[in-house]
Amino acid sequence: MNPNLIFRIARLAVSLVEIHARQDVRASTEELLLEIIQIAIRAYEEHAGQPLDPALIKAEAPL
């Protein structure tokens, strides 16, 4: 996932918390949630279909 998208989602989440703290209008909350969802979809689409590095797959440690 693109680090810029991660930071953008985090900033939007912080904005959402600030809106709730100030008890601003509901429309702002809905717009922010919609933007977070759109960014998450874009991140998924950019990542989907990329080759998987087998070196990243490790056996789980025994319990």
N, C-alpha and C. Protein backbone atom coordinates (compact mmCIF):
# COMPACT_ATOMS: atom_id res chain seq x y z
N MET A 1 0.86 -1.18 0.00
CA MET A 1 0.00 0.00 0.00
C MET A 1 0.90 1.23 0.00
N ASN A 2 0.48 2.23 -0.71
CA ASN A 2 1.22 3.47 -0.83
C ASN A 2 1.23 4.21 0.52
N PRO A 3 2.41 4.54 1.04
CA PRO A 3 2.47 5.24 2.34
C PRO A 3 1.70 6.56 2.34
N ASN A 4 1.66 7.25 1.21
CA ASN A 4 0.91 8.51 1.15
C ASN A 4 -0.58 8.28 1.40
N LEU A 5 -1.09 7.18 0.87
CA LEU A 5 -2.50 6.86 1.10
C LEU A 5 -2.76 6.55 2.57
N ILE A 6 -1.83 5.86 3.20
CA ILE A 6 -1.98 5.54 4.62
C ILE A 6 -2.04 6.83 5.45
N PHE A 7 -1.12 7.75 5.17
CA PHE A 7 -1.13 9.01 5.91
C PHE A 7 -2.38 9.83 5.63
N ARG A 8 -2.86 9.77 4.40
CA ARG A 8 -4.08 10.52 4.07
C ARG A 8 -5.28 9.96 4.82
N ILE A 9 -5.37 8.63 4.89
CA ILE A 9 -6.46 8.00 5.63
C ILE A 9 -6.35 8.37 7.11
N ALA A 10 -5.13 8.37 7.65
CA ALA A 10 -4.95 8.73 9.06
C ALA A 10 -5.37 10.17 9.32
N ARG A 11 -5.00 11.08 8.43
CA ARG A 11 -5.40 12.49 8.60
C ARG A 11 -6.92 12.63 8.55
N LEU A 12 -7.56 11.89 7.65
CA LEU A 12 -9.02 11.95 7.57
C LEU A 12 -9.66 11.40 8.85
N ALA A 13 -9.08 10.35 9.39
CA ALA A 13 -9.60 9.78 10.63
C ALA A 13 -9.47 10.78 11.78
N VAL A 14 -8.35 11.48 11.84
CA VAL A 14 -8.16 12.50 12.88
C VAL A 14 -9.18 13.62 12.69
N SER A 15 -9.41 14.02 11.46
CA SER A 15 -10.42 15.05 11.19
C SER A 15 -11.79 14.60 11.65
N LEU A 16 -12.09 13.33 11.44
CA LEU A 16 -13.38 12.79 11.86
C LEU A 16 -13.54 12.88 13.38
N VAL A 17 -12.49 12.54 14.10
CA VAL A 17 -12.53 12.63 15.57
C VAL A 17 -12.70 14.09 16.00
N GLU A 18 -12.00 14.99 15.34
CA GLU A 18 -12.12 16.41 15.70
C GLU A 18 -13.53 16.93 15.45
N ILE A 19 -14.14 16.48 14.37
CA ILE A 19 -15.52 16.91 14.08
C ILE A 19 -16.45 16.44 15.18
N HIS A 20 -16.29 15.20 15.60
CA HIS A 20 -17.15 14.68 16.67
C HIS A 20 -16.88 15.42 17.99
N ALA A 21 -15.65 15.77 18.24
CA ALA A 21 -15.33 16.49 19.47
C ALA A 21 -15.98 17.88 19.48
N ARG A 22 -16.03 18.51 18.32
CA ARG A 22 -16.64 19.84 18.21
C ARG A 22 -18.15 19.76 18.00
N GLN A 23 -18.65 18.57 17.73
CA GLN A 23 -20.07 18.35 17.45
C GLN A 23 -20.53 19.18 16.27
N ASP A 24 -19.73 19.13 15.18
CA ASP A 24 -20.08 19.84 13.95
C ASP A 24 -21.20 19.13 13.21
N VAL A 25 -21.53 19.65 12.07
CA VAL A 25 -22.66 19.12 11.30
C VAL A 25 -22.39 17.70 10.85
N ARG A 26 -23.47 16.96 10.71
CA ARG A 26 -23.39 15.55 10.34
C ARG A 26 -22.86 15.36 8.92
N ALA A 27 -23.13 16.29 8.04
CA ALA A 27 -22.72 16.17 6.64
C ALA A 27 -21.20 16.05 6.53
N SER A 28 -20.47 16.79 7.36
CA SER A 28 -19.01 16.72 7.31
C SER A 28 -18.52 15.32 7.64
N THR A 29 -19.15 14.69 8.62
CA THR A 29 -18.78 13.34 9.00
C THR A 29 -19.03 12.37 7.85
N GLU A 30 -20.17 12.51 7.22
CA GLU A 30 -20.50 11.62 6.10
C GLU A 30 -19.53 11.80 4.95
N GLU A 31 -19.16 13.05 4.65
CA GLU A 31 -18.21 13.32 3.57
C GLU A 31 -16.85 12.72 3.88
N LEU A 32 -16.40 12.84 5.13
CA LEU A 32 -15.11 12.28 5.51
C LEU A 32 -15.12 10.76 5.42
N LEU A 33 -16.18 10.13 5.90
CA LEU A 33 -16.27 8.68 5.82
C LEU A 33 -16.26 8.21 4.36
N LEU A 34 -16.97 8.91 3.52
CA LEU A 34 -17.00 8.57 2.10
C LEU A 34 -15.60 8.70 1.49
N GLU A 35 -14.89 9.75 1.84
CA GLU A 35 -13.54 9.94 1.32
C GLU A 35 -12.59 8.85 1.82
N ILE A 36 -12.72 8.45 3.09
CA ILE A 36 -11.90 7.37 3.63
C ILE A 36 -12.17 6.08 2.86
N ILE A 37 -13.42 5.79 2.59
CA ILE A 37 -13.77 4.58 1.86
C ILE A 37 -13.21 4.62 0.44
N GLN A 38 -13.31 5.78 -0.21
CA GLN A 38 -12.78 5.90 -1.57
C GLN A 38 -11.27 5.71 -1.61
N ILE A 39 -10.57 6.26 -0.63
CA ILE A 39 -9.11 6.09 -0.57
C ILE A 39 -8.75 4.63 -0.32
N ALA A 40 -9.50 3.98 0.57
CA ALA A 40 -9.24 2.57 0.86
C ALA A 40 -9.47 1.71 -0.39
N ILE A 41 -10.50 2.01 -1.14
CA ILE A 41 -10.77 1.28 -2.38
C ILE A 41 -9.63 1.48 -3.38
N ARG A 42 -9.17 2.72 -3.51
CA ARG A 42 -8.07 3.01 -4.42
C ARG A 42 -6.81 2.25 -3.99
N ALA A 43 -6.53 2.23 -2.70
CA ALA A 43 -5.35 1.51 -2.20
C ALA A 43 -5.47 0.02 -2.50
N TYR A 44 -6.65 -0.55 -2.30
CA TYR A 44 -6.86 -1.96 -2.59
C TYR A 44 -6.65 -2.25 -4.07
N GLU A 45 -7.22 -1.39 -4.92
CA GLU A 45 -7.10 -1.60 -6.36
C GLU A 45 -5.65 -1.49 -6.83
N GLU A 46 -4.88 -0.58 -6.23
CA GLU A 46 -3.48 -0.44 -6.60
C GLU A 46 -2.67 -1.66 -6.16
N HIS A 47 -3.06 -2.27 -5.06
CA HIS A 47 -2.31 -3.40 -4.52
C HIS A 47 -2.73 -4.73 -5.15
N ALA A 48 -3.98 -4.85 -5.50
CA ALA A 48 -4.50 -6.11 -6.03
C ALA A 48 -3.77 -6.49 -7.32
N GLY A 49 -3.42 -7.74 -7.43
CA GLY A 49 -2.78 -8.24 -8.63
C GLY A 49 -1.27 -8.11 -8.62
N GLN A 50 -0.70 -7.50 -7.61
CA GLN A 50 0.75 -7.39 -7.54
C GLN A 50 1.33 -8.73 -7.14
N PRO A 51 2.52 -9.04 -7.63
CA PRO A 51 3.12 -10.33 -7.27
C PRO A 51 3.43 -10.40 -5.78
N LEU A 52 3.28 -11.58 -5.24
CA LEU A 52 3.54 -11.81 -3.82
C LEU A 52 4.97 -12.31 -3.66
N ASP A 53 5.68 -11.74 -2.73
CA ASP A 53 7.06 -12.15 -2.44
C ASP A 53 7.01 -13.35 -1.50
N PRO A 54 7.37 -14.56 -1.98
CA PRO A 54 7.32 -15.75 -1.13
C PRO A 54 8.21 -15.63 0.12
N ALA A 55 9.23 -14.78 0.07
CA ALA A 55 10.12 -14.63 1.22
C ALA A 55 9.39 -13.99 2.40
N LEU A 56 8.27 -13.33 2.15
CA LEU A 56 7.50 -12.69 3.21
C LEU A 56 6.63 -13.68 3.98
N ILE A 57 6.44 -14.87 3.40
CA ILE A 57 5.59 -15.87 4.03
C ILE A 57 6.45 -16.75 4.92
N LYS A 58 6.15 -16.73 6.20
CA LYS A 58 6.93 -17.49 7.18
C LYS A 58 6.00 -18.42 7.95
N ALA A 59 6.56 -19.51 8.43
CA ALA A 59 5.80 -20.45 9.24
C ALA A 59 5.51 -19.80 10.60
N GLU A 60 4.36 -20.13 11.14
CA GLU A 60 4.01 -19.61 12.47
C GLU A 60 4.84 -20.30 13.54
N ALA A 61 5.12 -19.57 14.59
CA ALA A 61 5.83 -20.15 15.71
C ALA A 61 4.92 -21.11 16.45
N PRO A 62 5.44 -22.25 16.92
CA PRO A 62 4.59 -23.18 17.66
C PRO A 62 4.10 -22.57 18.96
N LEU A 63 2.94 -22.98 19.39
CA LEU A 63 2.36 -22.46 20.63
C LEU A 63 2.98 -23.06 21.84
